[in-house]
Protein backbone atom coordinates (compact mmCIF):
# COMPACT_ATOMS: atom_id res chain seq x y z
CA MET A 1 22.57 -24.61 16.28
CA THR A 2 24.01 -27.37 18.47
CA GLY A 3 27.45 -25.76 18.36
CA PHE A 4 25.98 -22.41 19.35
CA LEU A 5 24.17 -23.89 22.37
CA ASP A 6 27.34 -25.72 23.36
CA ASN A 7 29.30 -22.48 23.23
CA ILE A 8 26.66 -20.66 25.28
CA LEU A 9 26.71 -23.32 28.00
CA ASN A 10 30.52 -23.31 28.11
CA GLY A 11 30.45 -19.53 28.27
CA LEU A 12 28.07 -19.57 31.23
CA ALA A 13 30.31 -22.09 32.99
CA LEU A 14 33.41 -19.97 32.39
CA GLY A 15 31.56 -16.84 33.43
CA SER A 16 30.42 -18.41 36.68
CA VAL A 17 34.02 -19.32 37.57
CA TYR A 18 35.32 -15.91 36.52
CA ALA A 19 32.64 -14.43 38.79
CA LEU A 20 34.25 -16.11 41.82
CA VAL A 21 37.56 -14.45 40.95
CA ALA A 22 36.05 -11.09 39.97
CA LEU A 23 34.10 -10.96 43.23
CA GLY A 24 37.42 -11.31 45.02
CA PHE A 25 38.78 -8.26 43.20
CA VAL A 26 35.63 -6.29 44.04
CA ILE A 27 35.45 -7.31 47.71
CA ILE A 28 39.06 -6.31 48.30
CA PHE A 29 38.64 -3.02 46.45
CA LYS A 30 35.49 -2.14 48.39
CA ALA A 31 37.13 -2.96 51.71
CA SER A 32 40.53 -1.38 51.19
CA GLY A 33 40.67 0.52 47.90
CA VAL A 34 43.46 -1.85 46.80
CA ILE A 35 43.60 -3.65 43.46
CA ASN A 36 45.08 -7.01 44.39
CA PHE A 37 47.48 -8.04 41.63
CA ALA A 38 48.48 -11.06 43.73
CA HIS A 39 45.03 -12.59 43.27
CA GLY A 40 46.21 -14.93 40.53
CA SER A 41 48.98 -16.26 42.76
CA LEU A 42 46.48 -16.87 45.56
CA LEU A 43 44.37 -18.82 43.08
CA LEU A 44 47.39 -20.89 42.09
CA LEU A 45 48.22 -21.49 45.76
CA GLY A 46 44.73 -22.84 46.42
CA GLY A 47 44.92 -25.14 43.43
CA TYR A 48 48.39 -26.36 44.37
CA LEU A 49 47.35 -27.21 47.93
CA THR A 50 44.33 -29.14 46.65
CA ALA A 51 46.54 -31.06 44.22
CA VAL A 52 49.15 -32.11 46.78
CA LEU A 53 46.70 -32.95 49.57
CA HIS A 54 43.89 -34.83 47.80
CA ASP A 55 45.67 -38.21 47.97
CA ASP A 56 45.85 -38.03 51.76
CA LEU A 57 42.67 -36.09 52.61
CA GLY A 58 40.40 -36.86 49.68
CA PHE A 59 39.08 -34.20 47.35
CA ALA A 60 36.61 -32.59 49.77
CA GLY A 61 39.12 -32.51 52.63
CA ALA A 62 41.91 -31.15 50.45
CA LEU A 63 39.65 -28.47 49.02
CA ALA A 64 38.49 -27.41 52.48
CA VAL A 65 42.09 -27.12 53.71
CA ALA A 66 43.13 -25.26 50.54
CA VAL A 67 40.29 -22.75 50.85
CA LEU A 68 41.01 -22.10 54.53
CA ALA A 69 44.78 -21.90 54.02
CA THR A 70 44.49 -19.55 51.05
CA ALA A 71 42.02 -17.38 52.95
CA ALA A 72 44.49 -17.24 55.87
CA VAL A 73 47.40 -16.31 53.59
CA ALA A 74 45.36 -13.52 52.01
CA GLY A 75 44.30 -12.20 55.41
CA LEU A 76 47.82 -12.33 56.82
CA MET A 77 49.21 -10.66 53.71
CA ASP A 78 46.83 -7.77 54.18
CA ARG A 79 47.21 -7.53 57.96
CA PHE A 80 50.99 -7.62 58.20
CA LEU A 81 52.21 -6.37 54.81
CA LEU A 82 49.61 -3.84 53.72
CA GLN A 83 47.97 -2.44 56.85
CA VAL A 84 51.08 -0.60 57.92
CA GLY A 85 50.96 3.08 58.76
CA GLU A 86 48.17 5.51 57.96
CA GLN A 87 45.34 4.25 55.78
CA ASP A 88 44.26 6.72 53.10
CA ALA A 89 43.93 7.00 49.33
CA GLN A 90 47.67 7.42 48.87
CA ALA A 91 48.34 4.37 51.04
CA ALA A 92 45.96 2.31 48.92
CA HIS A 93 48.02 3.17 45.83
CA VAL A 94 51.22 2.08 47.54
CA GLN A 95 49.58 -1.12 48.77
CA THR A 96 48.46 -1.94 45.24
CA ILE A 97 52.10 -1.79 44.15
CA VAL A 98 53.08 -4.00 47.10
CA THR A 99 50.68 -6.70 45.87
CA ILE A 100 52.73 -6.85 42.65
CA GLY A 101 55.80 -7.74 44.70
CA VAL A 102 53.85 -10.34 46.68
CA ASP A 103 52.62 -11.83 43.42
CA ILE A 104 56.18 -12.18 42.13
CA VAL A 105 57.31 -13.94 45.32
CA LEU A 106 54.36 -16.35 45.45
CA LEU A 107 54.41 -17.08 41.74
CA THR A 108 58.16 -17.75 41.74
CA ASP A 109 57.92 -20.22 44.60
CA LEU A 110 54.83 -22.01 43.25
CA SER A 111 56.28 -22.18 39.74
CA ARG A 112 59.41 -23.80 41.18
CA ARG A 113 57.33 -26.37 43.00
CA ILE A 114 55.06 -27.18 40.06
CA GLY A 115 57.75 -27.02 37.39
CA GLY A 116 56.58 -28.39 34.07
CA ASP A 117 54.10 -30.84 35.61
CA LEU A 118 50.36 -30.99 35.13
CA LEU A 119 48.80 -31.61 38.53
CA SER A 120 45.47 -33.33 39.03
CA LEU A 121 43.25 -31.91 41.75
CA GLY A 122 41.45 -35.22 42.21
CA ASP A 123 38.02 -33.77 41.45
CA PRO A 124 35.19 -36.33 41.33
CA TRP A 125 33.97 -35.33 37.87
CA GLY A 126 37.04 -36.48 35.92
CA ASP A 127 36.45 -36.44 32.18
CA SER A 128 32.82 -37.58 32.37
CA VAL A 129 30.22 -35.81 30.23
CA THR A 130 26.44 -35.50 30.27
CA GLY A 131 24.07 -35.21 27.33
CA LEU A 132 21.51 -32.42 27.53
CA GLY A 133 19.29 -32.85 24.51
CA PRO A 134 21.36 -32.22 21.39
CA ILE A 135 24.45 -31.02 23.26
CA THR A 136 27.07 -32.76 25.35
CA VAL A 137 28.70 -30.94 28.26
CA ALA A 138 31.46 -31.89 30.68
CA ASP A 139 30.23 -32.65 34.18
CA SER A 140 32.88 -30.27 35.52
CA ARG A 141 31.19 -27.44 33.64
CA LEU A 142 27.81 -28.27 35.16
CA ALA A 143 29.40 -28.51 38.60
CA ALA A 144 31.03 -25.11 38.06
CA ILE A 145 27.66 -23.51 37.32
CA VAL A 146 25.90 -25.14 40.29
CA VAL A 147 28.66 -24.56 42.87
CA SER A 148 29.37 -21.01 41.72
CA THR A 149 25.67 -20.15 41.83
CA VAL A 150 25.36 -21.41 45.40
CA VAL A 151 28.55 -19.72 46.59
CA ILE A 152 27.82 -16.41 44.88
CA GLY A 153 24.31 -16.45 46.31
CA ALA A 154 25.79 -16.99 49.77
CA VAL A 155 28.23 -14.10 49.26
CA PHE A 156 25.43 -11.76 48.18
CA ALA A 157 23.41 -12.82 51.24
CA LEU A 158 26.49 -12.06 53.34
CA PHE A 159 26.62 -8.56 51.86
CA ARG A 160 22.92 -7.97 52.44
CA TYR A 161 22.04 -9.57 55.75
CA THR A 162 25.11 -9.54 58.01
CA ASN A 163 26.74 -6.84 60.12
CA TRP A 164 30.00 -7.44 58.25
CA GLY A 165 28.26 -6.79 54.93
CA LEU A 166 26.74 -3.60 56.29
CA ALA A 167 30.16 -2.51 57.57
CA LEU A 168 31.72 -3.26 54.18
CA ARG A 169 29.11 -1.24 52.32
CA ALA A 170 29.40 1.65 54.78
CA SER A 171 33.19 1.69 54.54
CA ALA A 172 33.04 1.68 50.74
CA GLU A 173 30.84 4.78 50.87
CA ASP A 174 32.84 6.77 53.45
CA LEU A 175 35.74 5.25 55.36
CA GLU A 176 36.04 8.01 57.97
CA ALA A 177 32.31 8.14 58.66
CA ALA A 178 32.20 4.36 59.05
CA ALA A 179 35.04 4.49 61.57
CA LEU A 180 33.26 7.21 63.54
CA MET A 181 30.12 5.05 63.62
CA GLY A 182 32.04 2.22 65.28
CA VAL A 183 32.98 0.03 62.32
CA ARG A 184 36.08 -2.01 63.13
CA LEU A 185 37.93 -1.28 59.94
CA VAL A 186 40.86 -3.62 60.53
CA ARG A 187 38.66 -6.63 61.21
CA MET A 188 36.27 -5.83 58.37
CA ARG A 189 39.12 -5.42 55.90
CA THR A 190 40.96 -8.58 56.98
CA LEU A 191 37.79 -10.67 56.67
CA ALA A 192 37.26 -9.24 53.17
CA TRP A 193 40.73 -10.37 52.10
CA CYS A 194 40.15 -13.80 53.64
CA LEU A 195 36.87 -14.20 51.76
CA ALA A 196 38.47 -13.17 48.47
CA GLY A 197 41.32 -15.65 48.99
CA GLY A 198 38.89 -18.48 49.69
CA LEU A 199 36.89 -17.70 46.53
CA ALA A 200 40.09 -17.75 44.47
CA ALA A 201 41.05 -21.19 45.83
CA LEU A 202 37.59 -22.54 44.95
CA ALA A 203 37.80 -21.12 41.43
CA ALA A 204 41.13 -22.93 40.88
CA VAL A 205 39.37 -26.30 41.06
CA PHE A 206 37.15 -25.56 38.07
CA LEU A 207 39.84 -23.78 36.05
CA ALA A 208 42.05 -26.88 36.29
CA ALA A 209 39.27 -29.45 35.78
CA PHE A 210 38.41 -31.18 32.49
CA PRO A 211 38.52 -30.13 29.68
CA ALA A 212 41.58 -28.30 31.01
CA PRO A 213 44.58 -30.68 31.23
CA GLY A 214 45.18 -29.95 34.92
CA LEU A 215 46.85 -27.39 37.16
CA GLU A 216 50.01 -25.84 35.73
CA ARG A 217 52.17 -22.95 36.73
CA THR A 218 50.37 -20.61 34.33
CA THR A 219 46.88 -21.36 35.70
CA GLY A 220 47.01 -18.31 37.93
CA GLN A 221 47.25 -16.08 34.88
CA ILE A 222 43.64 -16.98 34.08
CA ALA A 223 42.68 -14.71 36.96
CA LEU A 224 43.72 -11.81 34.74
CA LYS A 225 40.72 -12.62 32.51
CA ALA A 226 38.45 -11.97 35.48
CA PHE A 227 40.01 -8.55 36.02
CA PRO A 228 38.28 -7.04 32.96
CA ALA A 229 35.02 -8.48 34.34
CA ALA A 230 35.50 -6.53 37.57
CA ILE A 231 36.38 -3.39 35.61
CA LEU A 232 33.31 -3.81 33.40
CA GLY A 233 31.07 -4.01 36.44
CA GLY A 234 32.41 -0.81 37.93
CA MET A 235 35.10 -2.36 40.20
CA ALA A 236 33.09 -1.64 43.38
CA SER A 237 29.87 -3.39 42.33
CA PRO A 238 29.35 -7.10 43.13
CA PRO A 239 26.35 -7.36 40.76
CA GLY A 240 28.48 -5.65 38.13
CA ALA A 241 31.25 -8.20 38.64
CA LEU A 242 28.72 -10.99 38.06
CA ALA A 243 27.35 -9.38 34.90
CA GLY A 244 30.83 -8.58 33.61
CA SER A 245 32.00 -12.14 34.25
CA MET A 246 29.13 -13.60 32.26
CA LEU A 247 29.86 -11.21 29.41
CA ILE A 248 33.55 -12.13 29.41
CA GLY A 249 32.84 -15.87 29.68
CA LEU A 250 30.35 -15.83 26.81
CA THR A 251 32.71 -13.74 24.69
CA GLU A 252 35.62 -16.10 25.25
CA ALA A 253 33.54 -19.22 24.53
CA LEU A 254 31.97 -17.80 21.36
CA VAL A 255 35.30 -16.53 20.03
CA ALA A 256 36.86 -19.96 20.65
CA GLY A 257 33.90 -21.73 19.06
CA TYR A 258 33.92 -19.58 15.93
CA GLN A 259 37.69 -19.12 15.65
CA SER A 260 37.71 -20.34 12.03
CA GLU A 261 35.20 -17.64 11.03
CA LEU A 262 37.18 -15.00 12.92
CA HIS A 263 40.59 -15.94 11.52
CA VAL A 264 40.91 -12.48 9.96
CA LEU A 265 41.31 -11.11 13.49
CA GLY A 266 44.31 -13.36 14.13
CA GLU A 267 44.80 -16.76 15.73
CA GLY A 268 45.39 -15.32 19.17
CA PHE A 269 42.31 -13.10 19.22
CA GLY A 270 40.64 -15.31 21.81
CA ASP A 271 43.32 -14.37 24.35
CA VAL A 272 42.69 -10.65 23.96
CA ALA A 273 38.91 -10.80 23.39
CA PRO A 274 38.07 -10.10 27.08
CA TYR A 275 40.20 -6.96 27.00
CA ALA A 276 38.72 -5.89 23.67
CA VAL A 277 35.23 -6.17 25.15
CA MET A 278 36.37 -4.20 28.20
CA VAL A 279 37.71 -1.37 26.04
CA LEU A 280 34.57 -1.24 23.90
CA VAL A 281 32.26 -1.10 26.92
CA LEU A 282 34.37 1.51 28.71
CA LEU A 283 34.28 3.72 25.62
CA VAL A 284 30.51 3.89 26.05
CA ARG A 285 30.32 3.65 29.86
CA PRO A 286 33.61 4.87 31.37
CA ASN A 287 32.42 4.00 34.89
CA GLY A 288 31.51 0.43 33.97
CA LEU A 289 28.14 -1.25 33.58
CA PHE A 290 27.11 -0.69 37.21
CA GLY A 291 29.58 2.02 38.22
CA ALA A 292 28.19 5.20 39.70
CA LYS A 293 29.33 8.56 38.43
CA GLY A 294 31.51 10.39 40.90
CA ALA A 295 30.21 13.65 42.31
CA ALA A 296 32.09 16.76 41.25
CA ARG A 297 32.15 20.01 43.20
CA VAL A 298 31.86 23.09 41.01
């Protein structure tokens, strides 16, 4: 029973971090119709900046600079590389392909800088643990749950109570109608990319914290595990991204915790478990857990 509770808590912690990344996918898709395949590289950029700056600025200062810098890079990438020419459904497809090229460039440069090193981000939790009744959990996991809950709550409040959130929701429903109603599409879209970049940088801190060994050049690939979470939620649904992230996090933690019992599925099953869950759910709900069915004219 203790092992099960431990796995559940670890799964919630992973899910809360994946939710930060999945929300980034969803925000960008709602604002621009683009699937940002460079999101993992933005996450790695945020983690790298935190790692190289924490000695001089302290952890909080380095994290603040990393979040702002990554948000700026994401916004500039969208403004000057993607928002070129007419913006329509076909353009969104082309822009999605462009993000693959951006990912290759960023990942190549960051991998060269990191090399084979394991970088510490200087987080204040270190390898300390806390006992909660019969289970013991890393302080970094508890911090991930608390910080992610606060940040995600703030993002949902941003969606619900601000003019930008209203503009984002209106644009996701009908881009042309939103423009005719006075929505500044360029500003709204750029801010969405900036927000997604900042969330990715924040997520990097917890993905590289204990019990992970540190930031490495493959850390950005973890963002790919959050992609099934966004798909499960319906891709354009922030609540769906949150639910999908929790499902993926719990699945990954339980598969890792019971790997010996699941050996018949192969030693590497934990790596593909998120995608297996995605396929199974989409077989039942092709539009995702919270995805709306598209209207068809007959």
